[in-house]
Amino acid sequence: MLKFLFGSVAGLLLAISTAALAAGAQRVEIEVSGMTCPFCVYGTQKKLSKLPGVDEVAVSLDEKKARLVMKPGAEPDMEAIRQAITSAGFTPGKAIVTPITNGD
């Protein structure tokens, strides 16, 4: 009985992990207007990194963009991303969402 239970739990965990990987991760690139200094970058990055489902955040002062990598299976909440940028004191612009493939 214990062997059956352990096998079922292990199989369930494997199925969940496989489903999450199959869903893949996504990258969001969004323009950010109004940043003028490293403190602007820091504040924006801090706000974006607190959003649910966000795995990585990189904000570029030179490019005036933020790049977010979502956790596998997590859908980007574009309204929340735009709101985080606005609450940091800046203006969100055009956004592009792309899937991340194994080669990325």
N, C-alpha and C. Protein backbone atom coordinates (compact mmCIF):
# COMPACT_ATOMS: atom_id res chain seq x y z
N MET A 1 0.82 -1.20 0.00
CA MET A 1 0.00 0.00 0.00
C MET A 1 0.87 1.26 0.00
N LEU A 2 1.89 1.25 0.86
CA LEU A 2 2.79 2.40 0.96
C LEU A 2 3.54 2.60 -0.36
N LYS A 3 3.97 1.50 -0.98
CA LYS A 3 4.68 1.58 -2.26
C LYS A 3 3.76 2.17 -3.33
N PHE A 4 2.51 1.78 -3.35
CA PHE A 4 1.54 2.31 -4.30
C PHE A 4 1.33 3.81 -4.08
N LEU A 5 1.19 4.21 -2.82
CA LEU A 5 0.97 5.62 -2.48
C LEU A 5 2.17 6.46 -2.89
N PHE A 6 3.39 5.98 -2.59
CA PHE A 6 4.60 6.71 -2.96
C PHE A 6 4.70 6.84 -4.47
N GLY A 7 4.43 5.77 -5.18
CA GLY A 7 4.48 5.80 -6.64
C GLY A 7 3.48 6.77 -7.23
N SER A 8 2.29 6.83 -6.65
CA SER A 8 1.26 7.75 -7.13
C SER A 8 1.66 9.20 -6.89
N VAL A 9 2.21 9.48 -5.72
CA VAL A 9 2.63 10.85 -5.40
C VAL A 9 3.78 11.27 -6.31
N ALA A 10 4.75 10.39 -6.49
CA ALA A 10 5.89 10.70 -7.36
C ALA A 10 5.41 10.93 -8.80
N GLY A 11 4.49 10.12 -9.27
CA GLY A 11 3.94 10.29 -10.61
C GLY A 11 3.19 11.61 -10.76
N LEU A 12 2.45 11.98 -9.73
CA LEU A 12 1.72 13.24 -9.76
C LEU A 12 2.68 14.42 -9.81
N LEU A 13 3.72 14.38 -8.99
CA LEU A 13 4.71 15.46 -8.99
C LEU A 13 5.41 15.56 -10.34
N LEU A 14 5.74 14.43 -10.94
CA LEU A 14 6.37 14.43 -12.24
C LEU A 14 5.43 15.01 -13.30
N ALA A 15 4.17 14.66 -13.23
CA ALA A 15 3.19 15.18 -14.18
C ALA A 15 3.04 16.69 -14.04
N ILE A 16 3.03 17.19 -12.80
CA ILE A 16 2.90 18.63 -12.58
C ILE A 16 4.14 19.35 -13.11
N SER A 17 5.33 18.82 -12.82
CA SER A 17 6.57 19.43 -13.29
C SER A 17 6.64 19.44 -14.81
N THR A 18 6.24 18.34 -15.43
CA THR A 18 6.26 18.25 -16.88
C THR A 18 5.28 19.24 -17.50
N ALA A 19 4.11 19.40 -16.90
CA ALA A 19 3.12 20.35 -17.41
C ALA A 19 3.64 21.78 -17.31
N ALA A 20 4.29 22.09 -16.21
CA ALA A 20 4.83 23.44 -16.03
C ALA A 20 5.91 23.72 -17.07
N LEU A 21 6.77 22.75 -17.33
CA LEU A 21 7.82 22.94 -18.33
C LEU A 21 7.24 23.04 -19.73
N ALA A 22 6.21 22.26 -19.99
CA ALA A 22 5.59 22.30 -21.31
C ALA A 22 4.94 23.65 -21.58
N ALA A 23 4.42 24.27 -20.51
CA ALA A 23 3.78 25.57 -20.66
C ALA A 23 4.81 26.62 -21.06
N GLY A 24 6.06 26.42 -20.66
CA GLY A 24 7.13 27.34 -21.06
C GLY A 24 7.07 28.67 -20.36
N ALA A 25 8.15 29.39 -20.51
CA ALA A 25 8.24 30.73 -19.94
C ALA A 25 8.05 31.75 -21.05
N GLN A 26 7.74 32.96 -20.64
CA GLN A 26 7.55 34.04 -21.60
C GLN A 26 8.42 35.22 -21.19
N ARG A 27 8.81 36.00 -22.20
CA ARG A 27 9.58 37.22 -21.96
C ARG A 27 8.71 38.42 -22.33
N VAL A 28 8.70 39.41 -21.48
CA VAL A 28 7.99 40.66 -21.74
C VAL A 28 9.02 41.76 -21.88
N GLU A 29 8.94 42.51 -22.96
CA GLU A 29 9.80 43.67 -23.16
C GLU A 29 8.87 44.87 -23.29
N ILE A 30 9.06 45.87 -22.43
CA ILE A 30 8.17 47.03 -22.43
C ILE A 30 8.99 48.32 -22.35
N GLU A 31 8.60 49.29 -23.14
CA GLU A 31 9.26 50.59 -23.12
C GLU A 31 8.87 51.33 -21.85
N VAL A 32 9.84 52.08 -21.31
CA VAL A 32 9.61 52.87 -20.09
C VAL A 32 10.13 54.28 -20.34
N SER A 33 9.24 55.26 -20.32
CA SER A 33 9.63 56.65 -20.54
C SER A 33 9.77 57.38 -19.22
N GLY A 34 10.74 58.30 -19.18
CA GLY A 34 10.88 59.17 -18.02
C GLY A 34 12.04 58.83 -17.09
N MET A 35 12.70 57.70 -17.30
CA MET A 35 13.83 57.35 -16.43
C MET A 35 15.03 58.21 -16.81
N THR A 36 15.72 58.74 -15.79
CA THR A 36 16.86 59.62 -16.06
C THR A 36 18.12 59.25 -15.30
N CYS A 37 18.02 58.30 -14.35
CA CYS A 37 19.18 58.00 -13.51
C CYS A 37 19.13 56.56 -13.01
N PRO A 38 20.22 56.08 -12.41
CA PRO A 38 20.23 54.71 -11.88
C PRO A 38 19.18 54.46 -10.80
N PHE A 39 18.81 55.49 -10.05
CA PHE A 39 17.77 55.32 -9.03
C PHE A 39 16.41 55.04 -9.66
N CYS A 40 16.19 55.61 -10.85
CA CYS A 40 14.96 55.33 -11.60
C CYS A 40 14.91 53.85 -11.97
N VAL A 41 16.03 53.35 -12.46
CA VAL A 41 16.14 51.95 -12.85
C VAL A 41 15.89 51.05 -11.64
N TYR A 42 16.53 51.37 -10.53
CA TYR A 42 16.39 50.57 -9.31
C TYR A 42 14.94 50.52 -8.84
N GLY A 43 14.27 51.67 -8.79
CA GLY A 43 12.88 51.72 -8.33
C GLY A 43 11.94 50.94 -9.23
N THR A 44 12.15 51.05 -10.53
CA THR A 44 11.32 50.33 -11.49
C THR A 44 11.55 48.83 -11.38
N GLN A 45 12.81 48.44 -11.28
CA GLN A 45 13.15 47.03 -11.17
C GLN A 45 12.56 46.44 -9.89
N LYS A 46 12.63 47.17 -8.81
CA LYS A 46 12.10 46.69 -7.53
C LYS A 46 10.59 46.47 -7.61
N LYS A 47 9.87 47.42 -8.21
CA LYS A 47 8.41 47.28 -8.34
C LYS A 47 8.04 46.09 -9.22
N LEU A 48 8.72 45.94 -10.35
CA LEU A 48 8.40 44.86 -11.27
C LEU A 48 8.73 43.48 -10.70
N SER A 49 9.80 43.40 -9.93
CA SER A 49 10.21 42.10 -9.40
C SER A 49 9.25 41.57 -8.34
N LYS A 50 8.41 42.43 -7.79
CA LYS A 50 7.43 42.00 -6.78
C LYS A 50 6.15 41.44 -7.38
N LEU A 51 5.99 41.55 -8.69
CA LEU A 51 4.76 41.07 -9.32
C LEU A 51 4.70 39.55 -9.32
N PRO A 52 3.51 38.98 -9.15
CA PRO A 52 3.36 37.52 -9.17
C PRO A 52 3.76 36.93 -10.52
N GLY A 53 4.47 35.82 -10.47
CA GLY A 53 4.84 35.11 -11.69
C GLY A 53 6.11 35.59 -12.35
N VAL A 54 6.70 36.69 -11.84
CA VAL A 54 7.92 37.22 -12.44
C VAL A 54 9.13 36.48 -11.88
N ASP A 55 9.98 36.00 -12.78
CA ASP A 55 11.17 35.25 -12.38
C ASP A 55 12.41 36.15 -12.39
N GLU A 56 12.57 36.96 -13.44
CA GLU A 56 13.73 37.85 -13.58
C GLU A 56 13.27 39.19 -14.13
N VAL A 57 13.99 40.26 -13.73
CA VAL A 57 13.72 41.60 -14.25
C VAL A 57 15.04 42.27 -14.57
N ALA A 58 15.11 42.92 -15.72
CA ALA A 58 16.26 43.74 -16.10
C ALA A 58 15.71 45.04 -16.67
N VAL A 59 16.15 46.16 -16.13
CA VAL A 59 15.71 47.47 -16.61
C VAL A 59 16.93 48.20 -17.15
N SER A 60 16.81 48.73 -18.35
CA SER A 60 17.92 49.43 -19.01
C SER A 60 17.63 50.92 -19.13
N LEU A 61 18.50 51.73 -18.55
CA LEU A 61 18.38 53.18 -18.66
C LEU A 61 18.70 53.62 -20.09
N ASP A 62 19.72 53.02 -20.68
CA ASP A 62 20.13 53.38 -22.05
C ASP A 62 19.05 53.06 -23.08
N GLU A 63 18.45 51.88 -22.94
CA GLU A 63 17.44 51.46 -23.92
C GLU A 63 16.04 51.94 -23.55
N LYS A 64 15.88 52.43 -22.31
CA LYS A 64 14.55 52.87 -21.83
C LYS A 64 13.54 51.74 -21.92
N LYS A 65 13.98 50.54 -21.49
CA LYS A 65 13.12 49.36 -21.55
C LYS A 65 13.26 48.53 -20.29
N ALA A 66 12.22 47.75 -20.03
CA ALA A 66 12.26 46.75 -18.98
C ALA A 66 12.01 45.40 -19.63
N ARG A 67 12.78 44.40 -19.20
CA ARG A 67 12.59 43.03 -19.68
C ARG A 67 12.27 42.14 -18.49
N LEU A 68 11.18 41.43 -18.60
CA LEU A 68 10.77 40.52 -17.54
C LEU A 68 10.74 39.10 -18.10
N VAL A 69 11.19 38.15 -17.33
CA VAL A 69 11.07 36.75 -17.67
C VAL A 69 10.08 36.16 -16.67
N MET A 70 9.01 35.59 -17.21
CA MET A 70 7.98 35.00 -16.37
C MET A 70 8.38 33.58 -15.99
N LYS A 71 7.91 33.13 -14.84
CA LYS A 71 8.13 31.75 -14.43
C LYS A 71 7.40 30.84 -15.41
N PRO A 72 7.92 29.63 -15.64
CA PRO A 72 7.24 28.71 -16.57
C PRO A 72 5.77 28.51 -16.18
N GLY A 73 4.90 28.68 -17.15
CA GLY A 73 3.47 28.51 -16.93
C GLY A 73 2.75 29.77 -16.47
N ALA A 74 3.50 30.80 -16.07
CA ALA A 74 2.88 32.04 -15.59
C ALA A 74 2.58 32.96 -16.77
N GLU A 75 1.38 33.49 -16.79
CA GLU A 75 0.98 34.43 -17.83
C GLU A 75 1.29 35.85 -17.35
N PRO A 76 1.87 36.69 -18.20
CA PRO A 76 2.13 38.07 -17.77
C PRO A 76 0.83 38.85 -17.63
N ASP A 77 0.69 39.56 -16.53
CA ASP A 77 -0.46 40.43 -16.29
C ASP A 77 -0.04 41.83 -16.76
N MET A 78 -0.35 42.15 -18.00
CA MET A 78 0.12 43.41 -18.58
C MET A 78 -0.41 44.63 -17.85
N GLU A 79 -1.61 44.56 -17.34
CA GLU A 79 -2.16 45.69 -16.59
C GLU A 79 -1.35 45.91 -15.31
N ALA A 80 -1.00 44.83 -14.62
CA ALA A 80 -0.20 44.94 -13.39
C ALA A 80 1.21 45.45 -13.71
N ILE A 81 1.78 45.00 -14.83
CA ILE A 81 3.11 45.47 -15.23
C ILE A 81 3.07 46.97 -15.51
N ARG A 82 2.06 47.40 -16.26
CA ARG A 82 1.93 48.83 -16.57
C ARG A 82 1.69 49.65 -15.29
N GLN A 83 0.90 49.11 -14.38
CA GLN A 83 0.62 49.81 -13.13
C GLN A 83 1.88 49.92 -12.27
N ALA A 84 2.70 48.88 -12.24
CA ALA A 84 3.95 48.91 -11.47
C ALA A 84 4.89 49.99 -12.01
N ILE A 85 4.98 50.10 -13.33
CA ILE A 85 5.82 51.13 -13.94
C ILE A 85 5.29 52.52 -13.61
N THR A 86 3.97 52.68 -13.70
CA THR A 86 3.35 53.96 -13.37
C THR A 86 3.55 54.32 -11.91
N SER A 87 3.40 53.34 -11.02
CA SER A 87 3.57 53.63 -9.59
C SER A 87 5.03 53.92 -9.23
N ALA A 88 5.96 53.49 -10.09
CA ALA A 88 7.36 53.85 -9.89
C ALA A 88 7.64 55.28 -10.37
N GLY A 89 6.66 55.87 -11.06
CA GLY A 89 6.78 57.26 -11.49
C GLY A 89 7.09 57.44 -12.96
N PHE A 90 6.89 56.40 -13.76
CA PHE A 90 7.26 56.46 -15.17
C PHE A 90 6.10 56.06 -16.06
N THR A 91 6.29 56.19 -17.35
CA THR A 91 5.22 55.93 -18.31
C THR A 91 5.53 54.66 -19.11
N PRO A 92 4.65 53.66 -19.01
CA PRO A 92 4.84 52.46 -19.81
C PRO A 92 4.46 52.71 -21.26
N GLY A 93 5.18 52.06 -22.17
CA GLY A 93 4.91 52.22 -23.60
C GLY A 93 4.57 50.89 -24.24
N LYS A 94 5.01 50.75 -25.47
CA LYS A 94 4.75 49.55 -26.26
C LYS A 94 5.37 48.33 -25.59
N ALA A 95 4.61 47.23 -25.60
CA ALA A 95 5.08 45.99 -24.98
C ALA A 95 5.01 44.86 -25.99
N ILE A 96 5.99 43.95 -25.88
CA ILE A 96 6.03 42.75 -26.71
C ILE A 96 6.20 41.55 -25.80
N VAL A 97 5.36 40.53 -26.00
CA VAL A 97 5.45 39.29 -25.24
C VAL A 97 5.85 38.19 -26.20
N THR A 98 6.94 37.47 -25.86
CA THR A 98 7.41 36.39 -26.71
C THR A 98 7.69 35.15 -25.87
N PRO A 99 7.45 33.98 -26.44
CA PRO A 99 7.79 32.75 -25.71
C PRO A 99 9.31 32.56 -25.69
N ILE A 100 9.79 31.95 -24.64
CA ILE A 100 11.22 31.64 -24.54
C ILE A 100 11.38 30.18 -24.97
N THR A 101 12.24 29.98 -25.94
CA THR A 101 12.53 28.64 -26.41
C THR A 101 13.83 28.15 -25.79
N ASN A 102 14.15 26.90 -25.99
CA ASN A 102 15.37 26.33 -25.41
C ASN A 102 16.62 27.07 -25.84
N GLY A 103 16.63 27.68 -27.02
CA GLY A 103 17.80 28.38 -27.52
C GLY A 103 17.96 29.80 -27.00
N ASP A 104 16.96 30.31 -26.29
CA ASP A 104 17.01 31.70 -25.79
C ASP A 104 17.75 31.84 -24.50
